[in-house]
Amino acid sequence: MVTVSSSPAMQKLQSMPRVLCRKREKDKENNSPYKVILITPPPKSLGVRCFPSNLQCGESVTIEGQTYTISAVTHRYQLRKGKYEPSEKRLDVLSTGRYLLNLYLETLLQQS
């Protein structure tokens, strides 16, 4: 038997998407879902992927056979009922070749 509530709070909770990591992506580590964005112009979404929660800038991740380097890790929070609750985890990534090229160009700029 299915019951439907018409209160606005229940409708808002039901409309918010929840992403859970698949069993095969969950190892012994604490994996969390991240929204992955390839930031080379134009930005391209690589979808929602599960990674360990301790990722840092400069680390390499492999998505569908391609190796990317993390450029930024963003945790967004939203104020709900007087408390800040996590609303989104986002990884900004670059292809490894592009990341190394950007580092090289930045050092050349600093030297001149």
N, C-alpha and C. Protein backbone atom coordinates (compact mmCIF):
# COMPACT_ATOMS: atom_id res chain seq x y z
N MET A 1 0.84 -1.17 0.00
CA MET A 1 0.00 0.00 0.00
C MET A 1 0.88 1.24 0.00
N VAL A 2 0.59 2.20 -0.85
CA VAL A 2 1.37 3.42 -0.98
C VAL A 2 0.56 4.57 -0.44
N THR A 3 1.19 5.38 0.40
CA THR A 3 0.53 6.59 0.90
C THR A 3 1.26 7.79 0.34
N VAL A 4 0.50 8.79 0.00
CA VAL A 4 1.06 10.01 -0.57
C VAL A 4 0.74 11.16 0.36
N SER A 5 1.76 11.92 0.71
CA SER A 5 1.57 13.07 1.57
C SER A 5 1.58 14.32 0.72
N SER A 6 0.72 15.24 1.04
CA SER A 6 0.65 16.46 0.24
C SER A 6 1.31 17.64 0.91
N SER A 7 1.99 17.43 2.02
CA SER A 7 2.65 18.55 2.69
C SER A 7 3.85 19.00 1.86
N PRO A 8 4.09 20.32 1.80
CA PRO A 8 5.21 20.83 1.00
C PRO A 8 6.57 20.29 1.45
N ALA A 9 6.74 20.08 2.75
CA ALA A 9 8.03 19.58 3.24
C ALA A 9 8.30 18.17 2.72
N MET A 10 7.29 17.32 2.73
CA MET A 10 7.47 15.95 2.23
C MET A 10 7.73 15.94 0.73
N GLN A 11 7.04 16.81 -0.01
CA GLN A 11 7.27 16.86 -1.46
C GLN A 11 8.68 17.32 -1.76
N LYS A 12 9.19 18.28 -0.97
CA LYS A 12 10.54 18.79 -1.19
C LYS A 12 11.56 17.69 -0.91
N LEU A 13 11.37 16.92 0.17
CA LEU A 13 12.29 15.84 0.49
C LEU A 13 12.27 14.75 -0.56
N GLN A 14 11.11 14.46 -1.11
CA GLN A 14 11.01 13.40 -2.10
C GLN A 14 11.59 13.82 -3.43
N SER A 15 11.59 15.13 -3.73
CA SER A 15 12.09 15.59 -5.02
C SER A 15 13.61 15.72 -5.05
N MET A 16 14.27 15.75 -3.88
CA MET A 16 15.72 15.89 -3.85
C MET A 16 16.37 14.56 -4.23
N PRO A 17 17.23 14.55 -5.24
CA PRO A 17 17.85 13.29 -5.65
C PRO A 17 18.90 12.84 -4.65
N ARG A 18 18.94 11.56 -4.38
CA ARG A 18 19.96 10.96 -3.53
C ARG A 18 20.78 10.02 -4.39
N VAL A 19 22.08 10.15 -4.28
CA VAL A 19 22.97 9.30 -5.04
C VAL A 19 23.71 8.40 -4.06
N LEU A 20 23.63 7.12 -4.29
CA LEU A 20 24.33 6.16 -3.45
C LEU A 20 25.36 5.43 -4.30
N CYS A 21 26.49 5.11 -3.69
CA CYS A 21 27.53 4.39 -4.41
C CYS A 21 27.13 2.93 -4.57
N ARG A 22 27.44 2.37 -5.72
CA ARG A 22 27.15 0.97 -5.97
C ARG A 22 28.03 0.08 -5.10
N LYS A 23 27.59 -1.14 -4.89
CA LYS A 23 28.35 -2.06 -4.03
C LYS A 23 29.75 -2.31 -4.57
N ARG A 24 29.89 -2.41 -5.88
CA ARG A 24 31.22 -2.71 -6.42
C ARG A 24 32.14 -1.50 -6.30
N GLU A 25 31.58 -0.27 -6.20
CA GLU A 25 32.40 0.91 -6.01
C GLU A 25 32.73 1.12 -4.53
N LYS A 26 31.97 0.49 -3.65
CA LYS A 26 32.22 0.59 -2.22
C LYS A 26 33.17 -0.52 -1.81
N ASP A 27 34.35 -0.15 -1.44
CA ASP A 27 35.29 -1.13 -0.90
C ASP A 27 35.29 -0.95 0.61
N LYS A 28 36.42 -1.18 1.21
CA LYS A 28 36.52 -0.99 2.65
C LYS A 28 36.62 0.49 2.98
N GLU A 29 36.92 1.31 1.99
CA GLU A 29 37.06 2.75 2.21
C GLU A 29 35.69 3.40 2.27
N ASN A 30 35.66 4.62 2.76
CA ASN A 30 34.43 5.38 2.85
C ASN A 30 34.28 6.20 1.57
N ASN A 31 33.57 5.66 0.58
CA ASN A 31 33.39 6.34 -0.69
C ASN A 31 32.19 7.27 -0.64
N SER A 32 32.32 8.40 -1.34
CA SER A 32 31.25 9.38 -1.41
C SER A 32 30.98 9.73 -2.86
N PRO A 33 29.74 10.08 -3.20
CA PRO A 33 29.46 10.50 -4.58
C PRO A 33 29.94 11.94 -4.82
N TYR A 34 30.62 12.13 -5.92
CA TYR A 34 31.10 13.44 -6.34
C TYR A 34 30.56 13.75 -7.73
N LYS A 35 30.18 14.99 -7.96
CA LYS A 35 29.85 15.45 -9.30
C LYS A 35 31.18 15.83 -9.95
N VAL A 36 31.51 15.21 -11.09
CA VAL A 36 32.81 15.41 -11.73
C VAL A 36 32.63 16.29 -12.96
N ILE A 37 33.40 17.39 -13.01
CA ILE A 37 33.34 18.35 -14.11
C ILE A 37 34.71 18.47 -14.75
N LEU A 38 34.78 18.24 -16.07
CA LEU A 38 36.01 18.48 -16.83
C LEU A 38 36.02 19.96 -17.16
N ILE A 39 37.00 20.72 -16.65
CA ILE A 39 36.91 22.19 -16.70
C ILE A 39 37.58 22.82 -17.91
N THR A 40 38.11 22.03 -18.84
CA THR A 40 38.64 22.65 -20.05
C THR A 40 37.49 23.28 -20.82
N PRO A 41 37.71 24.45 -21.41
CA PRO A 41 36.59 25.12 -22.09
C PRO A 41 36.09 24.30 -23.26
N PRO A 42 34.83 24.15 -23.46
CA PRO A 42 33.74 24.44 -22.52
C PRO A 42 33.67 23.35 -21.45
N PRO A 43 33.22 23.70 -20.24
CA PRO A 43 33.11 22.69 -19.17
C PRO A 43 32.18 21.55 -19.58
N LYS A 44 32.55 20.34 -19.18
CA LYS A 44 31.78 19.16 -19.55
C LYS A 44 31.58 18.30 -18.31
N SER A 45 30.36 17.87 -18.09
CA SER A 45 30.06 17.01 -16.94
C SER A 45 30.44 15.58 -17.27
N LEU A 46 31.16 14.94 -16.36
CA LEU A 46 31.52 13.54 -16.51
C LEU A 46 30.63 12.65 -15.65
N GLY A 47 29.58 13.23 -15.08
CA GLY A 47 28.62 12.47 -14.30
C GLY A 47 28.95 12.44 -12.82
N VAL A 48 28.23 11.63 -12.10
CA VAL A 48 28.42 11.46 -10.67
C VAL A 48 29.18 10.15 -10.45
N ARG A 49 30.31 10.25 -9.76
CA ARG A 49 31.17 9.09 -9.53
C ARG A 49 31.47 8.97 -8.04
N CYS A 50 31.76 7.77 -7.61
CA CYS A 50 32.10 7.52 -6.21
C CYS A 50 33.61 7.43 -6.05
N PHE A 51 34.13 8.23 -5.12
CA PHE A 51 35.55 8.25 -4.80
C PHE A 51 35.72 8.30 -3.29
N PRO A 52 36.92 7.99 -2.79
CA PRO A 52 37.17 8.15 -1.36
C PRO A 52 36.98 9.60 -0.94
N SER A 53 36.59 9.80 0.29
CA SER A 53 36.26 11.15 0.75
C SER A 53 37.48 12.02 1.05
N ASN A 54 38.69 11.48 0.97
CA ASN A 54 39.89 12.25 1.30
C ASN A 54 40.67 12.68 0.06
N LEU A 55 40.02 12.95 -1.06
CA LEU A 55 40.70 13.38 -2.28
C LEU A 55 41.26 14.79 -2.12
N GLN A 56 42.40 15.04 -2.79
CA GLN A 56 43.04 16.35 -2.73
C GLN A 56 43.45 16.79 -4.13
N CYS A 57 43.73 18.09 -4.26
CA CYS A 57 44.18 18.63 -5.54
C CYS A 57 45.51 17.98 -5.93
N GLY A 58 45.65 17.70 -7.22
CA GLY A 58 46.87 17.11 -7.73
C GLY A 58 46.84 15.59 -7.81
N GLU A 59 45.84 14.95 -7.20
CA GLU A 59 45.73 13.49 -7.28
C GLU A 59 45.17 13.09 -8.63
N SER A 60 45.51 11.88 -9.05
CA SER A 60 45.02 11.35 -10.32
C SER A 60 43.84 10.42 -10.08
N VAL A 61 42.84 10.53 -10.94
CA VAL A 61 41.69 9.62 -10.91
C VAL A 61 41.47 9.10 -12.33
N THR A 62 40.97 7.89 -12.43
CA THR A 62 40.69 7.29 -13.74
C THR A 62 39.20 7.14 -13.89
N ILE A 63 38.66 7.70 -14.98
CA ILE A 63 37.24 7.63 -15.27
C ILE A 63 37.09 7.12 -16.69
N GLU A 64 36.46 5.97 -16.84
CA GLU A 64 36.23 5.34 -18.14
C GLU A 64 37.51 5.22 -18.96
N GLY A 65 38.59 4.79 -18.32
CA GLY A 65 39.84 4.57 -19.02
C GLY A 65 40.69 5.80 -19.23
N GLN A 66 40.20 6.98 -18.95
CA GLN A 66 40.95 8.22 -19.10
C GLN A 66 41.49 8.65 -17.74
N THR A 67 42.71 9.15 -17.71
CA THR A 67 43.31 9.63 -16.47
C THR A 67 43.17 11.14 -16.38
N TYR A 68 42.65 11.59 -15.26
CA TYR A 68 42.46 13.01 -15.01
C TYR A 68 43.17 13.40 -13.73
N THR A 69 43.54 14.67 -13.62
CA THR A 69 44.15 15.20 -12.41
C THR A 69 43.18 16.18 -11.77
N ILE A 70 43.02 16.07 -10.46
CA ILE A 70 42.07 16.92 -9.75
C ILE A 70 42.63 18.32 -9.63
N SER A 71 41.86 19.30 -10.09
CA SER A 71 42.25 20.69 -10.02
C SER A 71 41.64 21.38 -8.80
N ALA A 72 40.43 20.98 -8.42
CA ALA A 72 39.77 21.58 -7.25
C ALA A 72 38.76 20.60 -6.68
N VAL A 73 38.63 20.64 -5.36
CA VAL A 73 37.62 19.86 -4.65
C VAL A 73 36.73 20.85 -3.93
N THR A 74 35.42 20.79 -4.18
CA THR A 74 34.48 21.74 -3.59
C THR A 74 33.42 20.99 -2.80
N HIS A 75 33.21 21.42 -1.56
CA HIS A 75 32.13 20.90 -0.74
C HIS A 75 31.16 22.06 -0.51
N ARG A 76 29.94 21.91 -0.95
CA ARG A 76 28.94 22.96 -0.77
C ARG A 76 27.97 22.57 0.33
N TYR A 77 27.57 23.57 1.10
CA TYR A 77 26.64 23.36 2.19
C TYR A 77 25.45 24.29 2.01
N GLN A 78 24.30 23.87 2.54
CA GLN A 78 23.08 24.66 2.44
C GLN A 78 22.47 24.77 3.83
N LEU A 79 21.98 25.96 4.15
CA LEU A 79 21.37 26.20 5.45
C LEU A 79 19.95 25.67 5.44
N ARG A 80 19.68 24.69 6.29
CA ARG A 80 18.34 24.12 6.41
C ARG A 80 18.00 23.99 7.88
N LYS A 81 16.88 24.56 8.26
CA LYS A 81 16.39 24.49 9.63
C LYS A 81 17.44 24.93 10.65
N GLY A 82 18.19 25.97 10.32
CA GLY A 82 19.18 26.51 11.23
C GLY A 82 20.49 25.76 11.28
N LYS A 83 20.68 24.75 10.44
CA LYS A 83 21.92 23.98 10.40
C LYS A 83 22.46 23.95 8.97
N TYR A 84 23.77 23.91 8.88
CA TYR A 84 24.37 23.74 7.56
C TYR A 84 24.49 22.25 7.29
N GLU A 85 23.94 21.82 6.16
CA GLU A 85 23.98 20.42 5.76
C GLU A 85 24.70 20.31 4.42
N PRO A 86 25.49 19.24 4.22
CA PRO A 86 26.16 19.07 2.92
C PRO A 86 25.14 18.94 1.80
N SER A 87 25.36 19.68 0.72
CA SER A 87 24.42 19.59 -0.39
C SER A 87 25.08 19.06 -1.66
N GLU A 88 26.39 19.26 -1.82
CA GLU A 88 27.04 18.81 -3.06
C GLU A 88 28.54 18.66 -2.83
N LYS A 89 29.11 17.64 -3.43
CA LYS A 89 30.56 17.47 -3.49
C LYS A 89 30.92 17.47 -4.96
N ARG A 90 31.92 18.29 -5.31
CA ARG A 90 32.25 18.46 -6.72
C ARG A 90 33.76 18.35 -6.92
N LEU A 91 34.16 17.66 -8.00
CA LEU A 91 35.55 17.59 -8.41
C LEU A 91 35.71 18.30 -9.73
N ASP A 92 36.62 19.26 -9.79
CA ASP A 92 36.98 19.88 -11.05
C ASP A 92 38.26 19.20 -11.52
N VAL A 93 38.23 18.59 -12.69
CA VAL A 93 39.37 17.82 -13.17
C VAL A 93 39.85 18.34 -14.52
N LEU A 94 41.10 18.07 -14.81
CA LEU A 94 41.72 18.34 -16.12
C LEU A 94 42.39 17.06 -16.58
N SER A 95 42.51 16.90 -17.89
CA SER A 95 43.29 15.77 -18.37
C SER A 95 44.71 15.95 -17.86
N THR A 96 45.40 14.87 -17.61
CA THR A 96 46.72 14.94 -16.99
C THR A 96 47.70 15.75 -17.84
N GLY A 97 47.64 15.59 -19.15
CA GLY A 97 48.52 16.36 -20.04
C GLY A 97 48.26 17.85 -19.94
N ARG A 98 47.00 18.23 -19.89
CA ARG A 98 46.64 19.65 -19.79
C ARG A 98 47.06 20.22 -18.44
N TYR A 99 46.91 19.43 -17.38
CA TYR A 99 47.30 19.88 -16.04
C TYR A 99 48.80 20.16 -15.99
N LEU A 100 49.60 19.25 -16.56
CA LEU A 100 51.06 19.45 -16.56
C LEU A 100 51.45 20.64 -17.42
N LEU A 101 50.77 20.83 -18.55
CA LEU A 101 51.04 21.98 -19.41
C LEU A 101 50.72 23.29 -18.68
N ASN A 102 49.62 23.33 -17.95
CA ASN A 102 49.27 24.53 -17.18
C ASN A 102 50.32 24.82 -16.11
N LEU A 103 50.82 23.79 -15.43
CA LEU A 103 51.87 24.00 -14.43
C LEU A 103 53.14 24.55 -15.07
N TYR A 104 53.51 24.01 -16.23
CA TYR A 104 54.70 24.48 -16.94
C TYR A 104 54.55 25.94 -17.36
N LEU A 105 53.39 26.28 -17.90
CA LEU A 105 53.17 27.66 -18.35
C LEU A 105 53.14 28.63 -17.17
N GLU A 106 52.62 28.20 -16.03
CA GLU A 106 52.62 29.06 -14.85
C GLU A 106 54.04 29.33 -14.36
N THR A 107 54.91 28.32 -14.39
CA THR A 107 56.30 28.53 -13.97
C THR A 107 57.02 29.45 -14.95
N LEU A 108 56.75 29.33 -16.24
CA LEU A 108 57.36 30.24 -17.22
C LEU A 108 56.91 31.67 -16.98
N LEU A 109 55.65 31.85 -16.65
CA LEU A 109 55.12 33.19 -16.40
C LEU A 109 55.75 33.79 -15.15
N GLN A 110 55.96 33.00 -14.12
CA GLN A 110 56.57 33.50 -12.89
C GLN A 110 58.05 33.84 -13.09
N GLN A 111 58.72 33.12 -13.98
CA GLN A 111 60.14 33.37 -14.22
C GLN A 111 60.37 34.62 -15.06
N SER A 112 59.39 35.03 -15.83
CA SER A 112 59.60 36.21 -16.70
C SER A 112 59.29 37.49 -16.00
